[in-house]
N, C-alpha and C. Protein backbone atom coordinates (compact mmCIF):
# COMPACT_ATOMS: atom_id res chain seq x y z
N UNK A 1 201.95 14.66 -26.69
CA UNK A 1 201.49 14.31 -25.35
C UNK A 1 202.70 14.07 -24.47
N UNK A 2 202.73 14.70 -23.33
CA UNK A 2 203.84 14.52 -22.40
C UNK A 2 203.28 14.37 -20.99
N UNK A 3 204.03 13.66 -20.18
CA UNK A 3 203.68 13.51 -18.77
C UNK A 3 204.72 14.27 -17.97
N UNK A 4 204.27 15.27 -17.21
CA UNK A 4 205.14 16.06 -16.34
C UNK A 4 205.06 15.48 -14.94
N UNK A 5 206.21 15.11 -14.38
CA UNK A 5 206.23 14.37 -13.11
C UNK A 5 206.95 15.16 -12.03
N UNK A 6 206.27 15.35 -10.92
CA UNK A 6 206.85 15.95 -9.71
C UNK A 6 207.68 14.85 -9.04
N UNK A 7 208.98 14.81 -9.36
CA UNK A 7 209.83 13.68 -9.00
C UNK A 7 209.87 13.34 -7.53
N UNK A 8 210.18 14.32 -6.68
CA UNK A 8 210.29 14.00 -5.25
C UNK A 8 208.93 13.65 -4.66
N UNK A 9 207.89 14.26 -5.17
CA UNK A 9 206.54 13.91 -4.71
C UNK A 9 206.23 12.46 -5.04
N UNK A 10 206.60 12.02 -6.24
CA UNK A 10 206.36 10.64 -6.65
C UNK A 10 207.22 9.67 -5.83
N UNK A 11 208.47 10.01 -5.58
CA UNK A 11 209.35 9.14 -4.78
C UNK A 11 208.72 8.84 -3.43
N UNK A 12 208.12 9.84 -2.83
CA UNK A 12 207.50 9.66 -1.52
C UNK A 12 206.31 8.72 -1.52
N UNK A 13 205.80 8.38 -2.69
CA UNK A 13 204.63 7.49 -2.79
C UNK A 13 205.00 6.07 -3.21
N UNK A 14 206.25 5.84 -3.59
CA UNK A 14 206.65 4.53 -4.11
C UNK A 14 207.22 3.68 -2.99
N UNK A 15 206.58 2.55 -2.71
CA UNK A 15 207.12 1.65 -1.69
C UNK A 15 208.55 1.22 -2.07
N UNK A 16 209.43 1.27 -1.10
CA UNK A 16 210.82 0.88 -1.35
C UNK A 16 211.74 2.03 -1.70
N UNK A 17 211.18 3.20 -2.02
CA UNK A 17 212.00 4.39 -2.26
C UNK A 17 211.81 5.35 -1.10
N UNK A 18 212.91 6.00 -0.74
CA UNK A 18 212.86 6.96 0.38
C UNK A 18 213.52 8.25 -0.04
N UNK A 19 212.96 9.36 0.37
CA UNK A 19 213.52 10.66 0.04
C UNK A 19 214.86 10.91 0.71
N UNK A 20 215.16 10.19 1.80
CA UNK A 20 216.45 10.38 2.46
C UNK A 20 217.55 9.50 1.87
N UNK A 21 217.22 8.71 0.85
CA UNK A 21 218.20 7.89 0.14
C UNK A 21 218.94 8.78 -0.85
N UNK A 22 220.27 8.85 -0.80
CA UNK A 22 220.99 9.72 -1.73
C UNK A 22 220.84 9.30 -3.20
N UNK A 23 220.37 8.09 -3.44
CA UNK A 23 220.18 7.60 -4.81
C UNK A 23 218.72 7.53 -5.22
N UNK A 24 217.84 8.19 -4.48
CA UNK A 24 216.41 8.07 -4.76
C UNK A 24 216.03 8.55 -6.15
N UNK A 25 216.65 9.63 -6.61
CA UNK A 25 216.33 10.15 -7.95
C UNK A 25 216.75 9.16 -9.03
N UNK A 26 217.95 8.60 -8.90
CA UNK A 26 218.43 7.63 -9.88
C UNK A 26 217.54 6.38 -9.89
N UNK A 27 217.11 5.95 -8.72
CA UNK A 27 216.24 4.77 -8.64
C UNK A 27 214.88 5.05 -9.29
N UNK A 28 214.38 6.27 -9.09
CA UNK A 28 213.12 6.63 -9.75
C UNK A 28 213.31 6.63 -11.26
N UNK A 29 214.40 7.18 -11.75
CA UNK A 29 214.63 7.24 -13.18
C UNK A 29 214.72 5.85 -13.81
N UNK A 30 215.27 4.89 -13.08
CA UNK A 30 215.31 3.51 -13.59
C UNK A 30 213.89 3.01 -13.80
N UNK A 31 213.03 3.25 -12.82
CA UNK A 31 211.63 2.80 -12.94
C UNK A 31 210.91 3.54 -14.07
N UNK A 32 211.20 4.83 -14.19
CA UNK A 32 210.54 5.60 -15.24
C UNK A 32 211.03 5.19 -16.63
N UNK A 33 212.29 4.81 -16.74
CA UNK A 33 212.80 4.34 -18.04
C UNK A 33 212.08 3.07 -18.47
N UNK A 34 211.85 2.17 -17.52
CA UNK A 34 211.11 0.95 -17.84
C UNK A 34 209.68 1.29 -18.27
N UNK A 35 209.05 2.22 -17.56
CA UNK A 35 207.69 2.65 -17.91
C UNK A 35 207.68 3.29 -19.29
N UNK A 36 208.65 4.16 -19.56
CA UNK A 36 208.71 4.84 -20.85
C UNK A 36 208.94 3.84 -21.98
N UNK A 37 209.80 2.87 -21.76
CA UNK A 37 210.06 1.85 -22.78
C UNK A 37 208.80 1.03 -23.05
N UNK A 38 208.04 0.78 -22.02
CA UNK A 38 206.81 -0.01 -22.15
C UNK A 38 205.69 0.77 -22.83
N UNK A 39 205.60 2.07 -22.55
CA UNK A 39 204.46 2.85 -23.03
C UNK A 39 204.78 3.75 -24.22
N UNK A 40 206.05 4.13 -24.36
CA UNK A 40 206.43 5.06 -25.41
C UNK A 40 206.06 6.50 -25.12
N UNK A 41 205.57 6.77 -23.93
CA UNK A 41 205.16 8.14 -23.59
C UNK A 41 206.39 9.00 -23.26
N UNK A 42 206.29 10.28 -23.61
CA UNK A 42 207.37 11.23 -23.32
C UNK A 42 207.19 11.72 -21.88
N UNK A 43 208.26 11.64 -21.10
CA UNK A 43 208.22 12.01 -19.68
C UNK A 43 209.16 13.18 -19.42
N UNK A 44 208.70 14.09 -18.57
CA UNK A 44 209.54 15.18 -18.08
C UNK A 44 209.47 15.09 -16.56
N UNK A 45 210.64 14.88 -15.92
CA UNK A 45 210.70 14.71 -14.47
C UNK A 45 211.38 15.92 -13.87
N UNK A 46 210.77 16.48 -12.84
CA UNK A 46 211.26 17.68 -12.19
C UNK A 46 211.74 17.33 -10.78
N UNK A 47 212.93 17.82 -10.43
CA UNK A 47 213.48 17.61 -9.09
C UNK A 47 213.86 18.94 -8.48
N UNK A 48 213.64 19.05 -7.16
CA UNK A 48 214.16 20.19 -6.42
C UNK A 48 215.68 20.05 -6.34
N UNK A 49 216.39 21.17 -6.14
CA UNK A 49 217.84 21.07 -6.03
C UNK A 49 218.23 20.35 -4.74
N UNK A 50 219.37 19.72 -4.76
CA UNK A 50 219.84 19.03 -3.56
C UNK A 50 221.28 18.62 -3.72
N UNK A 51 221.90 18.29 -2.63
CA UNK A 51 223.30 17.90 -2.64
C UNK A 51 223.47 16.54 -3.31
N UNK A 52 222.57 15.63 -3.04
CA UNK A 52 222.74 14.25 -3.51
C UNK A 52 222.58 14.14 -5.03
N UNK A 53 221.67 14.89 -5.60
CA UNK A 53 221.40 14.71 -7.02
C UNK A 53 222.07 15.83 -7.78
N UNK A 54 223.22 15.53 -8.35
CA UNK A 54 223.95 16.51 -9.14
C UNK A 54 223.77 16.17 -10.61
N UNK A 55 223.11 17.03 -11.32
CA UNK A 55 222.81 16.79 -12.71
C UNK A 55 222.75 18.13 -13.43
N UNK A 56 222.94 18.10 -14.74
CA UNK A 56 222.70 19.35 -15.46
C UNK A 56 221.28 19.81 -15.23
N UNK A 57 221.03 21.10 -15.38
CA UNK A 57 219.69 21.63 -15.16
C UNK A 57 218.68 20.95 -16.07
N UNK A 58 219.13 20.53 -17.26
CA UNK A 58 218.26 19.80 -18.18
C UNK A 58 219.07 18.67 -18.79
N UNK A 59 218.48 17.53 -18.87
CA UNK A 59 219.10 16.43 -19.62
C UNK A 59 217.99 15.58 -20.19
N UNK A 60 218.25 15.01 -21.34
CA UNK A 60 217.26 14.17 -21.99
C UNK A 60 217.93 12.89 -22.48
N UNK A 61 217.19 11.80 -22.34
CA UNK A 61 217.70 10.53 -22.83
C UNK A 61 216.54 9.56 -22.94
N UNK A 62 216.40 9.00 -24.11
CA UNK A 62 215.42 7.94 -24.32
C UNK A 62 214.00 8.28 -23.95
N UNK A 63 213.52 9.46 -24.33
CA UNK A 63 212.13 9.81 -24.06
C UNK A 63 211.87 10.38 -22.68
N UNK A 64 212.94 10.56 -21.89
CA UNK A 64 212.79 11.15 -20.55
C UNK A 64 213.67 12.39 -20.47
N UNK A 65 213.04 13.49 -20.09
CA UNK A 65 213.79 14.72 -19.83
C UNK A 65 213.79 14.96 -18.33
N UNK A 66 214.94 15.36 -17.80
CA UNK A 66 215.05 15.67 -16.38
C UNK A 66 215.30 17.16 -16.25
N UNK A 67 214.49 17.79 -15.40
CA UNK A 67 214.65 19.23 -15.13
C UNK A 67 214.97 19.38 -13.65
N UNK A 68 216.11 19.95 -13.36
CA UNK A 68 216.54 20.18 -11.99
C UNK A 68 216.38 21.66 -11.68
N UNK A 69 215.59 21.97 -10.65
CA UNK A 69 215.41 23.36 -10.26
C UNK A 69 216.73 23.92 -9.75
N UNK A 70 217.00 25.14 -10.09
CA UNK A 70 218.23 25.79 -9.65
C UNK A 70 218.13 26.26 -8.22
N UNK A 71 219.24 26.76 -7.71
CA UNK A 71 219.26 27.28 -6.34
C UNK A 71 218.22 28.38 -6.20
N UNK A 72 217.44 28.30 -5.16
CA UNK A 72 216.39 29.29 -4.92
C UNK A 72 215.11 29.02 -5.70
N UNK A 73 215.09 27.96 -6.50
CA UNK A 73 213.89 27.59 -7.24
C UNK A 73 213.29 26.34 -6.63
N UNK A 74 212.05 26.09 -7.01
CA UNK A 74 211.39 24.84 -6.61
C UNK A 74 210.90 24.14 -7.86
N UNK A 75 210.95 22.83 -7.84
CA UNK A 75 210.44 22.05 -8.96
C UNK A 75 208.97 22.38 -9.21
N UNK A 76 208.22 22.61 -8.14
CA UNK A 76 206.79 22.94 -8.26
C UNK A 76 206.59 24.14 -9.18
N UNK A 77 207.42 25.17 -8.98
CA UNK A 77 207.30 26.38 -9.79
C UNK A 77 207.63 26.11 -11.25
N UNK A 78 208.62 25.26 -11.51
CA UNK A 78 208.97 24.91 -12.89
C UNK A 78 207.83 24.17 -13.58
N UNK A 79 207.21 23.25 -12.85
CA UNK A 79 206.09 22.48 -13.41
C UNK A 79 204.94 23.43 -13.77
N UNK A 80 204.57 24.27 -12.84
CA UNK A 80 203.47 25.21 -13.07
C UNK A 80 203.79 26.14 -14.23
N UNK A 81 205.02 26.65 -14.29
CA UNK A 81 205.42 27.53 -15.39
C UNK A 81 205.33 26.79 -16.73
N UNK A 82 205.82 25.55 -16.77
CA UNK A 82 205.79 24.81 -18.04
C UNK A 82 204.37 24.51 -18.49
N UNK A 83 203.48 24.25 -17.54
CA UNK A 83 202.07 24.04 -17.91
C UNK A 83 201.49 25.33 -18.47
N UNK A 84 201.74 26.44 -17.80
CA UNK A 84 201.20 27.73 -18.24
C UNK A 84 201.74 28.14 -19.61
N UNK A 85 203.01 27.82 -19.88
CA UNK A 85 203.64 28.26 -21.13
C UNK A 85 203.44 27.29 -22.28
N UNK A 86 202.90 26.13 -22.02
CA UNK A 86 202.74 25.14 -23.09
C UNK A 86 201.71 25.63 -24.09
N UNK A 87 201.98 25.40 -25.37
CA UNK A 87 201.07 25.88 -26.42
C UNK A 87 199.70 25.20 -26.37
N UNK A 88 199.63 23.99 -25.81
CA UNK A 88 198.34 23.30 -25.67
C UNK A 88 198.38 22.45 -24.41
N UNK A 89 198.12 23.03 -23.25
CA UNK A 89 198.19 22.28 -21.99
C UNK A 89 197.28 21.06 -21.94
N UNK A 90 196.26 20.99 -22.79
CA UNK A 90 195.39 19.81 -22.82
C UNK A 90 196.16 18.56 -23.23
N UNK A 91 197.31 18.74 -23.85
CA UNK A 91 198.16 17.62 -24.26
C UNK A 91 199.02 17.10 -23.11
N UNK A 92 198.98 17.78 -21.98
CA UNK A 92 199.84 17.42 -20.85
C UNK A 92 199.09 16.63 -19.81
N UNK A 93 199.82 15.73 -19.15
CA UNK A 93 199.34 15.06 -17.95
C UNK A 93 200.34 15.39 -16.86
N UNK A 94 199.85 15.87 -15.73
CA UNK A 94 200.72 16.24 -14.62
C UNK A 94 200.55 15.23 -13.50
N UNK A 95 201.68 14.67 -13.05
CA UNK A 95 201.67 13.69 -11.97
C UNK A 95 202.20 14.36 -10.71
N UNK A 96 201.32 14.56 -9.74
CA UNK A 96 201.69 15.16 -8.46
C UNK A 96 200.54 15.02 -7.48
N UNK A 97 200.89 14.94 -6.21
CA UNK A 97 199.87 14.97 -5.15
C UNK A 97 199.78 16.36 -4.54
N UNK A 98 200.64 17.25 -4.98
CA UNK A 98 200.67 18.62 -4.48
C UNK A 98 199.43 19.36 -4.99
N UNK A 99 198.62 19.86 -4.07
CA UNK A 99 197.35 20.48 -4.44
C UNK A 99 197.53 21.75 -5.27
N UNK A 100 198.58 22.54 -5.00
CA UNK A 100 198.80 23.76 -5.79
C UNK A 100 199.14 23.42 -7.24
N UNK A 101 199.95 22.39 -7.43
CA UNK A 101 200.29 21.96 -8.79
C UNK A 101 199.05 21.42 -9.48
N UNK A 102 198.29 20.60 -8.78
CA UNK A 102 197.07 20.05 -9.37
C UNK A 102 196.11 21.16 -9.78
N UNK A 103 195.94 22.14 -8.90
CA UNK A 103 195.02 23.25 -9.18
C UNK A 103 195.48 24.03 -10.41
N UNK A 104 196.76 24.36 -10.48
CA UNK A 104 197.29 25.11 -11.63
C UNK A 104 197.13 24.31 -12.92
N UNK A 105 197.41 23.01 -12.86
CA UNK A 105 197.28 22.17 -14.05
C UNK A 105 195.83 22.14 -14.53
N UNK A 106 194.90 21.97 -13.60
CA UNK A 106 193.48 21.92 -13.97
C UNK A 106 192.99 23.25 -14.52
N UNK A 107 193.49 24.36 -13.97
CA UNK A 107 193.09 25.67 -14.47
C UNK A 107 193.48 25.85 -15.93
N UNK A 108 194.55 25.19 -16.34
CA UNK A 108 195.02 25.29 -17.72
C UNK A 108 194.58 24.09 -18.57
N UNK A 109 193.65 23.32 -18.02
CA UNK A 109 193.02 22.19 -18.74
C UNK A 109 193.97 21.01 -18.99
N UNK A 110 195.05 20.91 -18.22
CA UNK A 110 195.92 19.73 -18.29
C UNK A 110 195.27 18.61 -17.48
N UNK A 111 195.57 17.39 -17.85
CA UNK A 111 195.10 16.24 -17.07
C UNK A 111 195.95 16.15 -15.80
N UNK A 112 195.38 15.60 -14.75
CA UNK A 112 196.09 15.45 -13.48
C UNK A 112 195.95 14.01 -13.00
N UNK A 113 197.06 13.43 -12.59
CA UNK A 113 197.05 12.11 -11.95
C UNK A 113 197.76 12.25 -10.62
N UNK A 114 197.10 11.85 -9.56
CA UNK A 114 197.72 11.87 -8.25
C UNK A 114 198.91 10.89 -8.25
N UNK A 115 199.97 11.24 -7.55
CA UNK A 115 201.18 10.41 -7.54
C UNK A 115 200.90 8.98 -7.11
N UNK A 116 200.05 8.80 -6.10
CA UNK A 116 199.74 7.44 -5.63
C UNK A 116 199.06 6.63 -6.73
N UNK A 117 198.20 7.26 -7.51
CA UNK A 117 197.54 6.57 -8.61
C UNK A 117 198.53 6.24 -9.72
N UNK A 118 199.49 7.13 -9.94
CA UNK A 118 200.49 6.88 -10.98
C UNK A 118 201.41 5.71 -10.59
N UNK A 119 201.65 5.53 -9.30
CA UNK A 119 202.47 4.40 -8.84
C UNK A 119 201.85 3.09 -9.32
N UNK A 120 200.53 2.99 -9.27
CA UNK A 120 199.86 1.78 -9.74
C UNK A 120 200.16 1.57 -11.22
N UNK A 121 200.07 2.64 -12.00
CA UNK A 121 200.37 2.57 -13.43
C UNK A 121 201.85 2.23 -13.67
N UNK A 122 202.71 2.80 -12.88
CA UNK A 122 204.15 2.58 -13.00
C UNK A 122 204.51 1.13 -12.73
N UNK A 123 203.82 0.51 -11.79
CA UNK A 123 204.13 -0.86 -11.38
C UNK A 123 203.38 -1.93 -12.15
N UNK A 124 202.52 -1.50 -13.05
CA UNK A 124 201.75 -2.46 -13.83
C UNK A 124 202.69 -3.32 -14.66
N UNK A 125 202.39 -4.58 -14.79
CA UNK A 125 203.21 -5.50 -15.57
C UNK A 125 203.00 -5.23 -17.05
N UNK A 126 204.05 -5.39 -17.86
CA UNK A 126 203.92 -5.10 -19.30
C UNK A 126 202.79 -5.87 -19.97
N UNK A 127 202.56 -7.11 -19.60
CA UNK A 127 201.51 -7.88 -20.27
C UNK A 127 200.12 -7.35 -19.95
N UNK A 128 200.01 -6.52 -18.91
CA UNK A 128 198.71 -5.95 -18.59
C UNK A 128 198.33 -4.83 -19.57
N UNK A 129 199.30 -4.38 -20.39
CA UNK A 129 199.03 -3.34 -21.37
C UNK A 129 198.27 -3.88 -22.58
N UNK A 130 198.25 -5.16 -22.74
CA UNK A 130 197.63 -5.78 -23.91
C UNK A 130 196.58 -6.77 -23.45
N UNK A 131 195.57 -6.90 -24.26
CA UNK A 131 194.57 -7.91 -24.00
C UNK A 131 194.90 -9.10 -24.90
N UNK A 132 195.19 -10.20 -24.29
CA UNK A 132 195.55 -11.39 -25.03
C UNK A 132 194.36 -12.33 -25.12
N UNK A 133 194.26 -12.97 -26.27
CA UNK A 133 193.27 -14.03 -26.42
C UNK A 133 193.88 -15.28 -25.80
N UNK A 134 193.36 -15.68 -24.66
CA UNK A 134 193.91 -16.81 -23.95
C UNK A 134 193.13 -18.11 -24.19
N UNK A 135 192.28 -18.09 -25.19
CA UNK A 135 191.53 -19.32 -25.49
C UNK A 135 192.48 -20.35 -26.11
N UNK A 136 192.21 -21.62 -25.89
CA UNK A 136 193.11 -22.65 -26.42
C UNK A 136 193.14 -22.63 -27.95
N UNK A 137 194.32 -22.96 -28.49
CA UNK A 137 194.46 -23.05 -29.95
C UNK A 137 193.75 -24.30 -30.45
N UNK A 138 193.23 -24.24 -31.66
CA UNK A 138 192.65 -25.46 -32.25
C UNK A 138 193.76 -26.52 -32.39
N UNK A 139 193.38 -27.78 -32.26
CA UNK A 139 194.34 -28.88 -32.29
C UNK A 139 195.20 -28.86 -33.55
N UNK A 140 194.59 -28.55 -34.71
CA UNK A 140 195.37 -28.54 -35.95
C UNK A 140 196.44 -27.44 -35.95
N UNK A 141 196.16 -26.31 -35.29
CA UNK A 141 197.16 -25.24 -35.19
C UNK A 141 198.29 -25.65 -34.25
N UNK A 142 197.94 -26.33 -33.17
CA UNK A 142 198.97 -26.84 -32.26
C UNK A 142 199.89 -27.79 -33.01
N UNK A 143 199.32 -28.71 -33.78
CA UNK A 143 200.12 -29.66 -34.56
C UNK A 143 201.03 -28.95 -35.56
N UNK A 144 200.48 -27.89 -36.17
CA UNK A 144 201.25 -27.12 -37.14
C UNK A 144 202.47 -26.47 -36.47
N UNK A 145 202.26 -25.85 -35.30
CA UNK A 145 203.36 -25.22 -34.59
C UNK A 145 204.38 -26.26 -34.12
N UNK A 146 203.92 -27.39 -33.66
CA UNK A 146 204.84 -28.44 -33.23
C UNK A 146 205.69 -28.93 -34.40
N UNK A 147 205.10 -29.04 -35.57
CA UNK A 147 205.84 -29.46 -36.76
C UNK A 147 206.88 -28.40 -37.16
N UNK A 148 206.50 -27.14 -37.06
CA UNK A 148 207.42 -26.04 -37.43
C UNK A 148 208.64 -26.06 -36.51
N UNK A 149 208.44 -26.27 -35.23
CA UNK A 149 209.53 -26.24 -34.27
C UNK A 149 210.19 -27.59 -34.04
N UNK A 150 209.80 -28.59 -34.85
CA UNK A 150 210.48 -29.86 -34.83
C UNK A 150 210.17 -30.74 -33.65
N UNK A 151 209.06 -30.51 -33.00
CA UNK A 151 208.70 -31.35 -31.85
C UNK A 151 207.90 -32.56 -32.35
N UNK A 152 208.30 -33.71 -31.89
CA UNK A 152 207.54 -34.92 -32.23
C UNK A 152 207.22 -35.67 -30.96
N UNK A 153 206.26 -36.57 -31.04
CA UNK A 153 205.89 -37.35 -29.88
C UNK A 153 206.83 -38.52 -29.64
N UNK A 154 207.78 -38.73 -30.54
CA UNK A 154 208.67 -39.88 -30.42
C UNK A 154 209.72 -39.69 -29.38
């Protein structure tokens, strides 16, 4: 299972990030690394070419792969090509608000998440990933833990 992300499209939906910021791609990757660490999901982020973001055409680190479109290419085309060429597109989730990308992904049975909806997922707090039993501990268990950690009422 992999999530394919239209990087610049997602940047435009995240409050506090701007496409005219020369560090917008790096700032997005910081957020995506935190998301990847929290979820363990494999991410592939696609960027259009630009002066500000100089990176190898492909790089991978810690569950995130970055694909930079070459001169004369568009990230959109790379995303669509990768969905079409994937051995099982049903295993893919595509994050983009671009209607052509969404349409191509759906035609190949990939899941689609609009970038604005993914921002909500990206910003979710780690503790929201788990359901915790927040009921009070029985008094005897509290006493047991206090004894283990050396806390006394004295």
